[in-house]
Amino acid sequence: MDTLDAAAELERLDAAKYLLFTTFRRNGTPVATPVWVARDGDALVFTTVTKTGKVKRLRNRTDVLVGPSDIRGNLLGAQVAATAVLDPDRAPAYRKLLRRKYGLLCAVALTANVLRFGRGGTVGVRVTVG
């Protein structure tokens, strides 16, 4: 995917309310989860609880698929190949970006995760397309 195509995909995905984030088990089985994402430069970012399955799968395999979806994970457009990396040090900055994009409901959900799991209980995820 060239730079222009990657930029267009990034815009399309960032415009979606939810992103279907698909990771892969060791045996290759895909596992899809809808997530809120925000844009951070040339990437999409989100936070998640450290002990989730998607974090475990990302530690083993960083190639993912992403596409716009609804809250239930029904795709609303094509999925594209991407790379996702865990970025624990940037989780607070990613939470701020998510709160800016999604508002009060997101702020409540993110605060609940921090209160429940502690600041070290969540991790940032950085997704690059292409």
C-alpha atoms as a PDB file:
ATOM      1  CA  MET A   1       0.000   0.000   0.000  1.00  0.00           C
ATOM      2  CA  ASP A   2       1.540   3.318  -1.002  1.00  0.00           C
ATOM      3  CA  THR A   3       1.597   6.410   1.202  1.00  0.00           C
ATOM      4  CA  LEU A   4      -1.506   7.990  -0.361  1.00  0.00           C
ATOM      5  CA  ASP A   5      -3.531   4.790  -0.003  1.00  0.00           C
ATOM      6  CA  ALA A   6      -2.396   4.361   3.605  1.00  0.00           C
ATOM      7  CA  ALA A   7      -3.356   7.966   4.403  1.00  0.00           C
ATOM      8  CA  ALA A   8      -6.796   7.480   2.831  1.00  0.00           C
ATOM      9  CA  GLU A   9      -7.341   4.248   4.799  1.00  0.00           C
ATOM     10  CA  LEU A  10      -6.280   5.974   8.000  1.00  0.00           C
ATOM     11  CA  GLU A  11      -8.834   8.740   7.382  1.00  0.00           C
ATOM     12  CA  ARG A  12     -11.582   6.205   6.613  1.00  0.00           C
ATOM     13  CA  LEU A  13     -10.870   4.173   9.729  1.00  0.00           C
ATOM     14  CA  ASP A  14     -10.514   7.198  11.994  1.00  0.00           C
ATOM     15  CA  ALA A  15     -13.920   8.461  10.824  1.00  0.00           C
ATOM     16  CA  ALA A  16     -15.611   5.267  12.046  1.00  0.00           C
ATOM     17  CA  LYS A  17     -17.242   5.278  15.473  1.00  0.00           C
ATOM     18  CA  TYR A  18     -15.969   1.754  16.182  1.00  0.00           C
ATOM     19  CA  LEU A  19     -13.169  -0.282  14.688  1.00  0.00           C
ATOM     20  CA  LEU A  20     -13.323  -4.061  14.402  1.00  0.00           C
ATOM     21  CA  PHE A  21      -9.876  -5.063  15.630  1.00  0.00           C
ATOM     22  CA  THR A  22      -8.993  -8.631  14.624  1.00  0.00           C
ATOM     23  CA  THR A  23      -6.066 -10.439  16.232  1.00  0.00           C
ATOM     24  CA  PHE A  24      -4.970 -14.021  15.638  1.00  0.00           C
ATOM     25  CA  ARG A  25      -4.462 -16.934  17.983  1.00  0.00           C
ATOM     26  CA  ARG A  26      -1.299 -19.023  17.663  1.00  0.00           C
ATOM     27  CA  ASN A  27      -3.186 -21.524  15.500  1.00  0.00           C
ATOM     28  CA  GLY A  28      -4.284 -18.718  13.137  1.00  0.00           C
ATOM     29  CA  THR A  29      -7.894 -18.439  14.324  1.00  0.00           C
ATOM     30  CA  PRO A  30      -9.074 -14.816  14.051  1.00  0.00           C
ATOM     31  CA  VAL A  31     -10.629 -13.117  17.082  1.00  0.00           C
ATOM     32  CA  ALA A  32     -12.454  -9.852  16.402  1.00  0.00           C
ATOM     33  CA  THR A  33     -13.293  -7.177  18.965  1.00  0.00           C
ATOM     34  CA  PRO A  34     -14.934  -3.761  18.402  1.00  0.00           C
ATOM     35  CA  VAL A  35     -12.893  -0.938  19.962  1.00  0.00           C
ATOM     36  CA  TRP A  36     -12.935   2.853  20.150  1.00  0.00           C
ATOM     37  CA  VAL A  37      -9.936   4.382  18.376  1.00  0.00           C
ATOM     38  CA  ALA A  38      -8.416   7.822  18.082  1.00  0.00           C
ATOM     39  CA  ARG A  39      -5.846   9.155  15.683  1.00  0.00           C
ATOM     40  CA  ASP A  40      -2.301   9.856  16.836  1.00  0.00           C
ATOM     41  CA  GLY A  41      -0.283  11.152  13.891  1.00  0.00           C
ATOM     42  CA  ASP A  42       0.086   8.355  11.346  1.00  0.00           C
ATOM     43  CA  ALA A  43      -1.545   5.704  13.549  1.00  0.00           C
ATOM     44  CA  LEU A  44      -4.766   4.771  15.305  1.00  0.00           C
ATOM     45  CA  VAL A  45      -4.602   4.154  19.038  1.00  0.00           C
ATOM     46  CA  PHE A  46      -6.701   2.711  21.838  1.00  0.00           C
ATOM     47  CA  THR A  47      -6.286   1.388  25.352  1.00  0.00           C
ATOM     48  CA  THR A  48      -7.278  -1.934  26.807  1.00  0.00           C
ATOM     49  CA  VAL A  49      -6.946  -3.859  30.031  1.00  0.00           C
ATOM     50  CA  THR A  50      -3.559  -5.573  30.209  1.00  0.00           C
ATOM     51  CA  LYS A  51      -4.996  -9.006  30.994  1.00  0.00           C
ATOM     52  CA  THR A  52      -7.276  -9.211  27.931  1.00  0.00           C
ATOM     53  CA  GLY A  53      -6.940 -11.887  25.289  1.00  0.00           C
ATOM     54  CA  LYS A  54      -6.078  -9.345  22.608  1.00  0.00           C
ATOM     55  CA  VAL A  55      -3.004  -8.247  24.595  1.00  0.00           C
ATOM     56  CA  LYS A  56      -1.888 -11.854  24.957  1.00  0.00           C
ATOM     57  CA  ARG A  57      -2.366 -12.452  21.238  1.00  0.00           C
ATOM     58  CA  LEU A  58      -0.501  -9.236  20.318  1.00  0.00           C
ATOM     59  CA  ARG A  59       2.492 -10.384  22.340  1.00  0.00           C
ATOM     60  CA  ASN A  60       2.709 -13.371  20.009  1.00  0.00           C
ATOM     61  CA  ARG A  61       1.674 -11.842  16.702  1.00  0.00           C
ATOM     62  CA  THR A  62       1.472  -8.168  15.683  1.00  0.00           C
ATOM     63  CA  ASP A  63      -0.292  -8.504  12.326  1.00  0.00           C
ATOM     64  CA  VAL A  64      -3.986  -7.617  12.613  1.00  0.00           C
ATOM     65  CA  LEU A  65      -6.992  -6.685  10.501  1.00  0.00           C
ATOM     66  CA  VAL A  66      -8.983  -3.495  11.096  1.00  0.00           C
ATOM     67  CA  GLY A  67     -12.203  -2.171   9.636  1.00  0.00           C
ATOM     68  CA  PRO A  68     -15.127   0.082  10.552  1.00  0.00           C
ATOM     69  CA  SER A  69     -17.871  -1.594  12.555  1.00  0.00           C
ATOM     70  CA  ASP A  70     -20.817  -1.024  14.808  1.00  0.00           C
ATOM     71  CA  ILE A  71     -20.771  -1.587  18.572  1.00  0.00           C
ATOM     72  CA  ARG A  72     -21.636  -5.275  18.092  1.00  0.00           C
ATOM     73  CA  GLY A  73     -18.712  -5.894  15.746  1.00  0.00           C
ATOM     74  CA  ASN A  74     -20.689  -6.006  12.503  1.00  0.00           C
ATOM     75  CA  LEU A  75     -18.397  -4.762   9.749  1.00  0.00           C
ATOM     76  CA  LEU A  76     -19.503  -1.581   7.998  1.00  0.00           C
ATOM     77  CA  GLY A  77     -16.714  -1.622   5.412  1.00  0.00           C
ATOM     78  CA  ALA A  78     -13.679  -3.563   4.301  1.00  0.00           C
ATOM     79  CA  GLN A  79     -11.010  -4.696   6.727  1.00  0.00           C
ATOM     80  CA  VAL A  80      -7.381  -3.923   5.899  1.00  0.00           C
ATOM     81  CA  ALA A  81      -4.089  -5.387   7.065  1.00  0.00           C
ATOM     82  CA  ALA A  82      -2.320  -3.477   9.816  1.00  0.00           C
ATOM     83  CA  THR A  83       0.344  -3.863  12.470  1.00  0.00           C
ATOM     84  CA  ALA A  84      -0.416  -3.330  16.156  1.00  0.00           C
ATOM     85  CA  VAL A  85       2.111  -2.898  18.928  1.00  0.00           C
ATOM     86  CA  LEU A  86       1.669  -2.590  22.665  1.00  0.00           C
ATOM     87  CA  ASP A  87       2.687   0.824  23.971  1.00  0.00           C
ATOM     88  CA  PRO A  88       2.221   0.839  27.774  1.00  0.00           C
ATOM     89  CA  ASP A  89       4.045   4.142  28.342  1.00  0.00           C
ATOM     90  CA  ARG A  90       1.646   6.044  26.068  1.00  0.00           C
ATOM     91  CA  ALA A  91      -1.608   4.703  27.574  1.00  0.00           C
ATOM     92  CA  PRO A  92      -2.366   7.978  29.444  1.00  0.00           C
ATOM     93  CA  ALA A  93      -1.902  10.020  26.252  1.00  0.00           C
ATOM     94  CA  TYR A  94      -4.086   7.580  24.317  1.00  0.00           C
ATOM     95  CA  ARG A  95      -6.821   7.853  26.969  1.00  0.00           C
ATOM     96  CA  LYS A  96      -6.753  11.635  26.530  1.00  0.00           C
ATOM     97  CA  LEU A  97      -7.139  11.309  22.740  1.00  0.00           C
ATOM     98  CA  LEU A  98     -10.035   8.875  23.164  1.00  0.00           C
ATOM     99  CA  ARG A  99     -11.803  11.157  25.654  1.00  0.00           C
ATOM    100  CA  ARG A 100     -11.435  14.062  23.221  1.00  0.00           C
ATOM    101  CA  LYS A 101     -12.991  12.055  20.371  1.00  0.00           C
ATOM    102  CA  TYR A 102     -15.751  10.214  22.257  1.00  0.00           C
ATOM    103  CA  GLY A 103     -16.634  12.531  25.133  1.00  0.00           C
ATOM    104  CA  LEU A 104     -18.276  11.791  28.463  1.00  0.00           C
ATOM    105  CA  LEU A 105     -19.230   8.138  27.937  1.00  0.00           C
ATOM    106  CA  CYS A 106     -15.655   7.294  27.018  1.00  0.00           C
ATOM    107  CA  ALA A 107     -14.281   9.283  29.953  1.00  0.00           C
ATOM    108  CA  VAL A 108     -16.477   7.307  32.338  1.00  0.00           C
ATOM    109  CA  ALA A 109     -15.507   3.944  30.812  1.00  0.00           C
ATOM    110  CA  LEU A 110     -11.782   4.727  30.807  1.00  0.00           C
ATOM    111  CA  THR A 111     -11.870   6.051  34.374  1.00  0.00           C
ATOM    112  CA  ALA A 112     -13.698   2.906  35.488  1.00  0.00           C
ATOM    113  CA  ASN A 113     -10.963   0.746  33.935  1.00  0.00           C
ATOM    114  CA  VAL A 114      -8.226   2.735  35.677  1.00  0.00           C
ATOM    115  CA  LEU A 115     -10.069   2.574  39.012  1.00  0.00           C
ATOM    116  CA  ARG A 116     -10.719  -1.139  38.631  1.00  0.00           C
ATOM    117  CA  PHE A 117      -7.334  -2.236  37.281  1.00  0.00           C
ATOM    118  CA  GLY A 118      -4.987   0.618  38.265  1.00  0.00           C
ATOM    119  CA  ARG A 119      -2.840   2.689  35.926  1.00  0.00           C
ATOM    120  CA  GLY A 120      -0.564  -0.301  35.280  1.00  0.00           C
ATOM    121  CA  GLY A 121      -3.618  -2.418  34.512  1.00  0.00           C
ATOM    122  CA  THR A 122      -4.184  -0.814  31.125  1.00  0.00           C
ATOM    123  CA  VAL A 123      -1.962  -0.669  28.067  1.00  0.00           C
ATOM    124  CA  GLY A 124      -1.917   1.457  24.943  1.00  0.00           C
ATOM    125  CA  VAL A 125      -2.149  -0.154  21.518  1.00  0.00           C
ATOM    126  CA  ARG A 126      -0.771   1.611  18.430  1.00  0.00           C
ATOM    127  CA  VAL A 127      -2.113   0.470  15.042  1.00  0.00           C
ATOM    128  CA  THR A 128      -0.431   1.352  11.748  1.00  0.00           C
ATOM    129  CA  VAL A 129      -2.108   0.624   8.439  1.00  0.00           C
ATOM    130  CA  GLY A 130      -0.275  -0.876   5.481  1.00  0.00           C
END
